[in-house]
Amino acid sequence: MYQLWILQNYEIFVIADKKVKILGSIIAQNRESEEDNSGLVFVKGKVYGIGDVYLGRAKCPFSKVLFAKTRGVHEPS
């Protein structure tokens, strides 16, 4: 079974939570083996926000996330 999620023409706005020490993340995909056919694709979007967060974080060793034709804007907190 192939589970590929595609998000197109999207906007992600993030506000960092200053009450915790661990920075948040915008995406964390969970692919546990090479045989797992899942993945996330973000196309033609915009990622922006205030504060420091991780754009992506591999939750498992085989995680797959692709950002294509995506603009990012960082505004310091």
PDB file of N, CA and C in Angstrom:
ATOM      1  N   MET A   1       0.838  -1.175   0.000  1.00  0.00           N
ATOM      2  CA  MET A   1       0.000   0.000   0.000  1.00  0.00           C
ATOM      3  C   MET A   1       0.889   1.245   0.000  1.00  0.00           C
ATOM      4  N   TYR A   2       0.594   2.175  -0.878  1.00  0.00           N
ATOM      5  CA  TYR A   2       1.378   3.400  -0.995  1.00  0.00           C
ATOM      6  C   TYR A   2       0.569   4.566  -0.439  1.00  0.00           C
ATOM      7  N   GLN A   3       1.114   5.244   0.555  1.00  0.00           N
ATOM      8  CA  GLN A   3       0.420   6.369   1.175  1.00  0.00           C
ATOM      9  C   GLN A   3       1.272   7.621   1.001  1.00  0.00           C
ATOM     10  N   LEU A   4       1.006   8.355  -0.061  1.00  0.00           N
ATOM     11  CA  LEU A   4       1.725   9.585  -0.337  1.00  0.00           C
ATOM     12  C   LEU A   4       0.755  10.746  -0.176  1.00  0.00           C
ATOM     13  N   TRP A   5       1.077  11.654   0.709  1.00  0.00           N
ATOM     14  CA  TRP A   5       0.250  12.833   0.939  1.00  0.00           C
ATOM     15  C   TRP A   5       0.885  13.999   0.195  1.00  0.00           C
ATOM     16  N   ILE A   6       0.095  14.682  -0.643  1.00  0.00           N
ATOM     17  CA  ILE A   6       0.580  15.823  -1.411  1.00  0.00           C
ATOM     18  C   ILE A   6      -0.243  17.047  -1.035  1.00  0.00           C
ATOM     19  N   LEU A   7       0.425  18.082  -0.584  1.00  0.00           N
ATOM     20  CA  LEU A   7      -0.232  19.351  -0.288  1.00  0.00           C
ATOM     21  C   LEU A   7       0.270  20.362  -1.297  1.00  0.00           C
ATOM     22  N   GLN A   8      -0.660  21.027  -1.987  1.00  0.00           N
ATOM     23  CA  GLN A   8      -0.299  21.973  -3.026  1.00  0.00           C
ATOM     24  C   GLN A   8      -0.969  23.315  -2.758  1.00  0.00           C
ATOM     25  N   ASN A   9      -0.257  24.417  -3.061  1.00  0.00           N
ATOM     26  CA  ASN A   9      -0.758  25.779  -2.858  1.00  0.00           C
ATOM     27  C   ASN A   9      -1.192  25.987  -1.411  1.00  0.00           C
ATOM     28  N   TYR A  10      -0.305  25.729  -0.496  1.00  0.00           N
ATOM     29  CA  TYR A  10      -0.608  25.772   0.933  1.00  0.00           C
ATOM     30  C   TYR A  10       0.104  26.939   1.608  1.00  0.00           C
ATOM     31  N   GLU A  11      -0.336  27.290   2.795  1.00  0.00           N
ATOM     32  CA  GLU A  11       0.355  28.241   3.665  1.00  0.00           C
ATOM     33  C   GLU A  11       0.429  27.636   5.054  1.00  0.00           C
ATOM     34  N   ILE A  12       1.606  27.703   5.649  1.00  0.00           N
ATOM     35  CA  ILE A  12       1.796  27.251   7.026  1.00  0.00           C
ATOM     36  C   ILE A  12       2.345  28.438   7.807  1.00  0.00           C
ATOM     37  N   PHE A  13       1.640  28.843   8.850  1.00  0.00           N
ATOM     38  CA  PHE A  13       2.088  29.928   9.710  1.00  0.00           C
ATOM     39  C   PHE A  13       2.355  29.344  11.087  1.00  0.00           C
ATOM     40  N   VAL A  14       3.540  29.620  11.645  1.00  0.00           N
ATOM     41  CA  VAL A  14       3.957  29.026  12.906  1.00  0.00           C
ATOM     42  C   VAL A  14       4.293  30.119  13.918  1.00  0.00           C
ATOM     43  N   ILE A  15       3.853  29.907  15.143  1.00  0.00           N
ATOM     44  CA  ILE A  15       4.241  30.773  16.249  1.00  0.00           C
ATOM     45  C   ILE A  15       4.926  29.884  17.280  1.00  0.00           C
ATOM     46  N   ALA A  16       6.190  30.177  17.568  1.00  0.00           N
ATOM     47  CA  ALA A  16       6.939  29.369  18.531  1.00  0.00           C
ATOM     48  C   ALA A  16       6.346  29.529  19.927  1.00  0.00           C
ATOM     49  N   ASP A  17       6.316  28.435  20.668  1.00  0.00           N
ATOM     50  CA  ASP A  17       5.812  28.434  22.041  1.00  0.00           C
ATOM     51  C   ASP A  17       6.985  28.705  22.975  1.00  0.00           C
ATOM     52  N   LYS A  18       7.023  29.875  23.563  1.00  0.00           N
ATOM     53  CA  LYS A  18       8.155  30.263  24.414  1.00  0.00           C
ATOM     54  C   LYS A  18       8.073  29.674  25.812  1.00  0.00           C
ATOM     55  N   LYS A  19       7.019  28.917  26.104  1.00  0.00           N
ATOM     56  CA  LYS A  19       6.872  28.318  27.434  1.00  0.00           C
ATOM     57  C   LYS A  19       7.627  26.997  27.568  1.00  0.00           C
ATOM     58  N   VAL A  20       8.089  26.438  26.445  1.00  0.00           N
ATOM     59  CA  VAL A  20       8.802  25.161  26.488  1.00  0.00           C
ATOM     60  C   VAL A  20      10.207  25.339  25.912  1.00  0.00           C
ATOM     61  N   LYS A  21      11.137  24.506  26.369  1.00  0.00           N
ATOM     62  CA  LYS A  21      12.517  24.592  25.886  1.00  0.00           C
ATOM     63  C   LYS A  21      12.700  23.899  24.539  1.00  0.00           C
ATOM     64  N   ILE A  22      11.926  22.854  24.298  1.00  0.00           N
ATOM     65  CA  ILE A  22      12.056  22.087  23.056  1.00  0.00           C
ATOM     66  C   ILE A  22      11.330  22.838  21.950  1.00  0.00           C
ATOM     67  N   LEU A  23      12.045  23.124  20.879  1.00  0.00           N
ATOM     68  CA  LEU A  23      11.420  23.820  19.762  1.00  0.00           C
ATOM     69  C   LEU A  23      10.427  22.899  19.062  1.00  0.00           C
ATOM     70  N   GLY A  24       9.354  23.462  18.590  1.00  0.00           N
ATOM     71  CA  GLY A  24       8.375  22.685  17.841  1.00  0.00           C
ATOM     72  C   GLY A  24       8.869  22.412  16.433  1.00  0.00           C
ATOM     73  N   SER A  25       8.122  21.633  15.685  1.00  0.00           N
ATOM     74  CA  SER A  25       8.471  21.368  14.299  1.00  0.00           C
ATOM     75  C   SER A  25       7.228  21.479  13.429  1.00  0.00           C
ATOM     76  N   ILE A  26       7.438  21.883  12.191  1.00  0.00           N
ATOM     77  CA  ILE A  26       6.332  22.046  11.255  1.00  0.00           C
ATOM     78  C   ILE A  26       5.878  20.684  10.752  1.00  0.00           C
ATOM     79  N   ILE A  27       6.812  19.801  10.523  1.00  0.00           N
ATOM     80  CA  ILE A  27       6.454  18.462  10.030  1.00  0.00           C
ATOM     81  C   ILE A  27       7.398  17.424  10.624  1.00  0.00           C
ATOM     82  N   ALA A  28       6.848  16.286  10.980  1.00  0.00           N
ATOM     83  CA  ALA A  28       7.643  15.152  11.459  1.00  0.00           C
ATOM     84  C   ALA A  28       7.000  13.889  10.904  1.00  0.00           C
ATOM     85  N   GLN A  29       7.594  13.315   9.884  1.00  0.00           N
ATOM     86  CA  GLN A  29       7.029  12.139   9.226  1.00  0.00           C
ATOM     87  C   GLN A  29       7.552  10.864   9.885  1.00  0.00           C
ATOM     88  N   ASN A  30       6.728   9.844   9.942  1.00  0.00           N
ATOM     89  CA  ASN A  30       7.053   8.615  10.664  1.00  0.00           C
ATOM     90  C   ASN A  30       7.067   7.434   9.699  1.00  0.00           C
ATOM     91  N   ARG A  31       8.215   7.156   9.095  1.00  0.00           N
ATOM     92  CA  ARG A  31       8.384   6.027   8.175  1.00  0.00           C
ATOM     93  C   ARG A  31       9.394   5.096   8.818  1.00  0.00           C
ATOM     94  N   GLU A  32       8.956   3.929   9.241  1.00  0.00           N
ATOM     95  CA  GLU A  32       9.783   3.067  10.085  1.00  0.00           C
ATOM     96  C   GLU A  32      10.685   2.078   9.361  1.00  0.00           C
ATOM     97  N   SER A  33      10.484   1.870   8.039  1.00  0.00           N
ATOM     98  CA  SER A  33      11.344   0.931   7.313  1.00  0.00           C
ATOM     99  C   SER A  33      11.438   1.328   5.845  1.00  0.00           C
ATOM    100  N   GLU A  34      12.411   0.766   5.140  1.00  0.00           N
ATOM    101  CA  GLU A  34      12.560   1.028   3.710  1.00  0.00           C
ATOM    102  C   GLU A  34      11.360   0.517   2.920  1.00  0.00           C
ATOM    103  N   GLU A  35      10.712  -0.512   3.415  1.00  0.00           N
ATOM    104  CA  GLU A  35       9.561  -1.097   2.720  1.00  0.00           C
ATOM    105  C   GLU A  35       8.302  -0.238   2.849  1.00  0.00           C
ATOM    106  N   ASP A  36       8.284   0.656   3.814  1.00  0.00           N
ATOM    107  CA  ASP A  36       7.147   1.559   4.016  1.00  0.00           C
ATOM    108  C   ASP A  36       7.108   2.552   2.853  1.00  0.00           C
ATOM    109  N   ASN A  37       6.000   2.632   2.149  1.00  0.00           N
ATOM    110  CA  ASN A  37       5.889   3.482   0.966  1.00  0.00           C
ATOM    111  C   ASN A  37       5.198   4.810   1.238  1.00  0.00           C
ATOM    112  N   SER A  38       5.234   5.280   2.457  1.00  0.00           N
ATOM    113  CA  SER A  38       4.578   6.546   2.770  1.00  0.00           C
ATOM    114  C   SER A  38       5.537   7.714   2.592  1.00  0.00           C
ATOM    115  N   GLY A  39       4.976   8.906   2.473  1.00  0.00           N
ATOM    116  CA  GLY A  39       5.787  10.105   2.351  1.00  0.00           C
ATOM    117  C   GLY A  39       4.900  11.335   2.288  1.00  0.00           C
ATOM    118  N   LEU A  40       5.528  12.503   2.435  1.00  0.00           N
ATOM    119  CA  LEU A  40       4.820  13.778   2.396  1.00  0.00           C
ATOM    120  C   LEU A  40       5.482  14.679   1.361  1.00  0.00           C
ATOM    121  N   VAL A  41       4.666  15.322   0.519  1.00  0.00           N
ATOM    122  CA  VAL A  41       5.172  16.235  -0.500  1.00  0.00           C
ATOM    123  C   VAL A  41       4.427  17.558  -0.372  1.00  0.00           C
ATOM    124  N   PHE A  42       5.183  18.646  -0.263  1.00  0.00           N
ATOM    125  CA  PHE A  42       4.625  19.991  -0.177  1.00  0.00           C
ATOM    126  C   PHE A  42       5.060  20.747  -1.433  1.00  0.00           C
ATOM    127  N   VAL A  43       4.102  21.224  -2.235  1.00  0.00           N
ATOM    128  CA  VAL A  43       4.406  21.849  -3.520  1.00  0.00           C
ATOM    129  C   VAL A  43       3.768  23.233  -3.608  1.00  0.00           C
ATOM    130  N   LYS A  44       4.548  24.202  -4.091  1.00  0.00           N
ATOM    131  CA  LYS A  44       4.079  25.565  -4.354  1.00  0.00           C
ATOM    132  C   LYS A  44       3.383  26.185  -3.155  1.00  0.00           C
ATOM    133  N   GLY A  45       4.105  26.281  -2.059  1.00  0.00           N
ATOM    134  CA  GLY A  45       3.510  26.841  -0.860  1.00  0.00           C
ATOM    135  C   GLY A  45       4.380  27.891  -0.210  1.00  0.00           C
ATOM    136  N   LYS A  46       3.947  28.283   0.969  1.00  0.00           N
ATOM    137  CA  LYS A  46       4.646  29.312   1.736  1.00  0.00           C
ATOM    138  C   LYS A  46       4.671  28.892   3.194  1.00  0.00           C
ATOM    139  N   VAL A  47       5.863  28.959   3.799  1.00  0.00           N
ATOM    140  CA  VAL A  47       6.037  28.638   5.211  1.00  0.00           C
ATOM    141  C   VAL A  47       6.597  29.894   5.880  1.00  0.00           C
ATOM    142  N   TYR A  48       5.904  30.377   6.894  1.00  0.00           N
ATOM    143  CA  TYR A  48       6.377  31.564   7.587  1.00  0.00           C
ATOM    144  C   TYR A  48       5.871  31.574   9.014  1.00  0.00           C
ATOM    145  N   GLY A  49       6.431  32.471   9.820  1.00  0.00           N
ATOM    146  CA  GLY A  49       6.007  32.534  11.199  1.00  0.00           C
ATOM    147  C   GLY A  49       6.898  33.415  12.035  1.00  0.00           C
ATOM    148  N   ILE A  50       6.738  33.276  13.335  1.00  0.00           N
ATOM    149  CA  ILE A  50       7.470  34.085  14.296  1.00  0.00           C
ATOM    150  C   ILE A  50       8.151  33.153  15.291  1.00  0.00           C
ATOM    151  N   GLY A  51       9.445  33.355  15.520  1.00  0.00           N
ATOM    152  CA  GLY A  51      10.179  32.529  16.473  1.00  0.00           C
ATOM    153  C   GLY A  51      10.910  31.394  15.788  1.00  0.00           C
ATOM    154  N   ASP A  52      11.539  30.569  16.595  1.00  0.00           N
ATOM    155  CA  ASP A  52      12.359  29.472  16.077  1.00  0.00           C
ATOM    156  C   ASP A  52      11.641  28.138  16.226  1.00  0.00           C
ATOM    157  N   VAL A  53      11.452  27.459  15.111  1.00  0.00           N
ATOM    158  CA  VAL A  53      10.922  26.092  15.089  1.00  0.00           C
ATOM    159  C   VAL A  53      11.690  25.335  14.013  1.00  0.00           C
ATOM    160  N   TYR A  54      11.644  24.012  14.064  1.00  0.00           N
ATOM    161  CA  TYR A  54      12.284  23.193  13.036  1.00  0.00           C
ATOM    162  C   TYR A  54      11.355  23.074  11.838  1.00  0.00           C
ATOM    163  N   LEU A  55      11.904  23.233  10.630  1.00  0.00           N
ATOM    164  CA  LEU A  55      11.101  23.050   9.424  1.00  0.00           C
ATOM    165  C   LEU A  55      10.674  21.597   9.312  1.00  0.00           C
ATOM    166  N   GLY A  56      11.601  20.697   9.448  1.00  0.00           N
ATOM    167  CA  GLY A  56      11.291  19.281   9.379  1.00  0.00           C
ATOM    168  C   GLY A  56      12.124  18.519  10.377  1.00  0.00           C
ATOM    169  N   ARG A  57      11.585  17.402  10.804  1.00  0.00           N
ATOM    170  CA  ARG A  57      12.311  16.570  11.760  1.00  0.00           C
ATOM    171  C   ARG A  57      12.001  15.120  11.423  1.00  0.00           C
ATOM    172  N   ALA A  58      13.031  14.338  11.204  1.00  0.00           N
ATOM    173  CA  ALA A  58      12.821  12.921  10.920  1.00  0.00           C
ATOM    174  C   ALA A  58      12.455  12.218  12.224  1.00  0.00           C
ATOM    175  N   LYS A  59      11.260  11.684  12.263  1.00  0.00           N
ATOM    176  CA  LYS A  59      10.802  10.992  13.460  1.00  0.00           C
ATOM    177  C   LYS A  59      11.376   9.578  13.531  1.00  0.00           C
ATOM    178  N   CYS A  60      11.663   9.004  12.384  1.00  0.00           N
ATOM    179  CA  CYS A  60      12.260   7.663  12.278  1.00  0.00           C
ATOM    180  C   CYS A  60      13.369   7.714  11.229  1.00  0.00           C
ATOM    181  N   PRO A  61      14.241   6.712  11.185  1.00  0.00           N
ATOM    182  CA  PRO A  61      15.393   6.759  10.279  1.00  0.00           C
ATOM    183  C   PRO A  61      15.051   6.775   8.790  1.00  0.00           C
ATOM    184  N   PHE A  62      13.837   6.386   8.402  1.00  0.00           N
ATOM    185  CA  PHE A  62      13.504   6.295   6.981  1.00  0.00           C
ATOM    186  C   PHE A  62      12.475   7.334   6.548  1.00  0.00           C
ATOM    187  N   SER A  63      12.282   8.376   7.317  1.00  0.00           N
ATOM    188  CA  SER A  63      11.280   9.397   7.016  1.00  0.00           C
ATOM    189  C   SER A  63      11.565  10.077   5.682  1.00  0.00           C
ATOM    190  N   LYS A  64      10.476  10.422   4.947  1.00  0.00           N
ATOM    191  CA  LYS A  64      10.607  11.105   3.659  1.00  0.00           C
ATOM    192  C   LYS A  64       9.644  12.281   3.592  1.00  0.00           C
ATOM    193  N   VAL A  65      10.221  13.476   3.420  1.00  0.00           N
ATOM    194  CA  VAL A  65       9.441  14.700   3.256  1.00  0.00           C
ATOM    195  C   VAL A  65      10.118  15.535   2.182  1.00  0.00           C
ATOM    196  N   LEU A  66       9.326  16.081   1.257  1.00  0.00           N
ATOM    197  CA  LEU A  66       9.867  16.891   0.172  1.00  0.00           C
ATOM    198  C   LEU A  66       9.137  18.227   0.123  1.00  0.00           C
ATOM    199  N   PHE A  67       9.896  19.325   0.129  1.00  0.00           N
ATOM    200  CA  PHE A  67       9.351  20.656  -0.092  1.00  0.00           C
ATOM    201  C   PHE A  67       9.832  21.095  -1.473  1.00  0.00           C
ATOM    202  N   ALA A  68       8.914  21.372  -2.400  1.00  0.00           N
ATOM    203  CA  ALA A  68       9.270  21.798  -3.753  1.00  0.00           C
ATOM    204  C   ALA A  68       8.578  23.116  -4.074  1.00  0.00           C
ATOM    205  N   LYS A  69       9.330  24.028  -4.668  1.00  0.00           N
ATOM    206  CA  LYS A  69       8.796  25.341  -5.055  1.00  0.00           C
ATOM    207  C   LYS A  69       8.092  26.007  -3.872  1.00  0.00           C
ATOM    208  N   THR A  70       8.749  25.987  -2.721  1.00  0.00           N
ATOM    209  CA  THR A  70       8.193  26.524  -1.487  1.00  0.00           C
ATOM    210  C   THR A  70       9.003  27.743  -1.064  1.00  0.00           C
ATOM    211  N   ARG A  71       8.300  28.792  -0.674  1.00  0.00           N
ATOM    212  CA  ARG A  71       8.961  29.993  -0.161  1.00  0.00           C
ATOM    213  C   ARG A  71       8.908  29.986   1.356  1.00  0.00           C
ATOM    214  N   GLY A  72       9.970  30.469   1.953  1.00  0.00           N
ATOM    215  CA  GLY A  72      10.000  30.567   3.411  1.00  0.00           C
ATOM    216  C   GLY A  72      10.395  31.971   3.846  1.00  0.00           C
ATOM    217  N   VAL A  73       9.748  32.438   4.884  1.00  0.00           N
ATOM    218  CA  VAL A  73      10.044  33.754   5.433  1.00  0.00           C
ATOM    219  C   VAL A  73      10.245  33.588   6.922  1.00  0.00           C
ATOM    220  N   HIS A  74      11.369  34.057   7.453  1.00  0.00           N
ATOM    221  CA  HIS A  74      11.642  33.946   8.880  1.00  0.00           C
ATOM    222  C   HIS A  74      11.642  35.329   9.494  1.00  0.00           C
ATOM    223  N   GLU A  75      10.836  35.483  10.531  1.00  0.00           N
ATOM    224  CA  GLU A  75      10.824  36.726  11.294  1.00  0.00           C
ATOM    225  C   GLU A  75      11.283  36.409  12.709  1.00  0.00           C
ATOM    226  N   PRO A  76      12.409  36.983  13.125  1.00  0.00           N
ATOM    227  CA  PRO A  76      12.922  36.681  14.466  1.00  0.00           C
ATOM    228  C   PRO A  76      11.906  37.044  15.556  1.00  0.00           C
ATOM    229  N   SER A  77      11.937  36.304  16.647  1.00  0.00           N
ATOM    230  CA  SER A  77      11.002  36.586  17.742  1.00  0.00           C
ATOM    231  C   SER A  77      11.496  37.732  18.590  1.00  0.00           C
TER     232      SER A  77
END
